[in-house]
Protein backbone atom coordinates (compact mmCIF):
# COMPACT_ATOMS: atom_id res chain seq x y z
CA UNK A 1 24.47 -27.84 3.32
CA UNK A 2 24.51 -24.26 2.07
CA UNK A 3 27.79 -22.55 1.24
CA UNK A 4 28.33 -18.93 2.09
CA UNK A 5 30.07 -16.72 -0.40
CA UNK A 6 32.35 -14.05 0.92
CA UNK A 7 32.13 -10.65 -0.64
CA UNK A 8 35.19 -8.37 -0.34
CA UNK A 9 34.56 -5.70 2.29
CA UNK A 10 31.80 -7.70 3.95
CA UNK A 11 32.56 -9.03 7.41
CA UNK A 12 31.74 -12.66 8.05
CA UNK A 13 29.69 -12.97 11.25
CA UNK A 14 31.45 -14.46 14.24
CA UNK A 15 32.12 -13.81 17.86
CA UNK A 16 34.71 -11.25 18.91
CA UNK A 17 37.07 -12.90 21.37
CA UNK A 18 38.14 -11.52 24.73
CA UNK A 19 41.65 -11.03 23.38
CA UNK A 20 40.35 -8.91 20.50
CA UNK A 21 38.32 -6.77 22.93
CA UNK A 22 41.36 -6.34 25.19
CA UNK A 23 43.43 -5.19 22.21
CA UNK A 24 40.64 -2.86 21.12
CA UNK A 25 40.43 -1.24 24.55
CA UNK A 26 44.23 -0.92 24.71
CA UNK A 27 44.31 0.85 21.34
CA UNK A 28 41.50 3.22 22.35
CA UNK A 29 43.44 4.12 25.51
CA UNK A 30 46.27 5.60 23.40
CA UNK A 31 45.71 9.36 23.03
CA UNK A 32 44.79 10.60 19.54
CA UNK A 33 45.39 7.15 17.99
CA UNK A 34 42.45 5.73 19.92
CA UNK A 35 40.18 8.58 18.87
CA UNK A 36 41.10 8.11 15.21
CA UNK A 37 40.60 4.34 15.49
CA UNK A 38 37.08 4.87 16.84
CA UNK A 39 36.22 6.62 13.57
CA UNK A 40 37.90 3.87 11.54
CA UNK A 41 36.05 1.11 13.38
CA UNK A 42 32.77 3.01 13.52
CA UNK A 43 32.53 4.05 9.90
CA UNK A 44 34.99 1.83 8.03
CA UNK A 45 34.00 -1.24 6.08
CA UNK A 46 35.14 -4.67 7.14
CA UNK A 47 34.64 -4.06 10.85
CA UNK A 48 32.53 -6.48 12.89
CA UNK A 49 29.06 -4.94 13.43
CA UNK A 50 29.35 -5.22 17.22
CA UNK A 51 32.65 -3.34 17.24
CA UNK A 52 31.28 -0.73 14.82
CA UNK A 53 28.25 -0.11 17.03
CA UNK A 54 30.46 0.07 20.13
CA UNK A 55 32.76 2.60 18.42
CA UNK A 56 29.81 4.76 17.35
CA UNK A 57 28.32 4.67 20.86
CA UNK A 58 31.70 5.64 22.34
CA UNK A 59 31.97 8.58 19.93
CA UNK A 60 28.47 9.71 20.94
CA UNK A 61 29.50 9.59 24.62
CA UNK A 62 32.61 11.63 23.79
CA UNK A 63 30.42 14.25 22.09
CA UNK A 64 28.04 14.38 25.08
CA UNK A 65 30.88 14.79 27.58
CA UNK A 66 32.61 17.47 25.51
CA UNK A 67 29.29 19.32 25.18
CA UNK A 68 28.76 19.17 28.95
CA UNK A 69 32.30 20.45 29.56
CA UNK A 70 31.69 23.38 27.23
CA UNK A 71 28.41 24.26 28.96
CA UNK A 72 30.02 23.89 32.41
CA UNK A 73 32.98 26.12 31.57
CA UNK A 74 30.73 28.71 29.95
CA UNK A 75 28.56 28.88 33.08
CA UNK A 76 31.62 28.89 35.35
CA UNK A 77 33.32 31.56 33.25
CA UNK A 78 30.23 33.76 33.21
CA UNK A 79 29.90 33.39 36.98
CA UNK A 80 33.52 34.50 37.44
CA UNK A 81 33.11 37.45 35.09
CA UNK A 82 29.89 38.63 36.71
CA UNK A 83 31.37 38.55 40.23
CA UNK A 84 33.88 41.31 39.42
């Protein structure tokens, strides 16, 4: 039987439980705190790889949505200004 050594800062592989996911989603639902935690989980050490990938994907979706909002409001604003 082979023993695994644990290195500080290295996450030991294991399954993330439903309770942990529920807590994660609850924390992300809190304004500002959730956004900051996405960066902590996405780019911090010691986070489970699945949670880190999920956090990074969520941040990418946030960036896409914010970009679409900016484009939409620019087009809408230009349409309003040109109608005068």
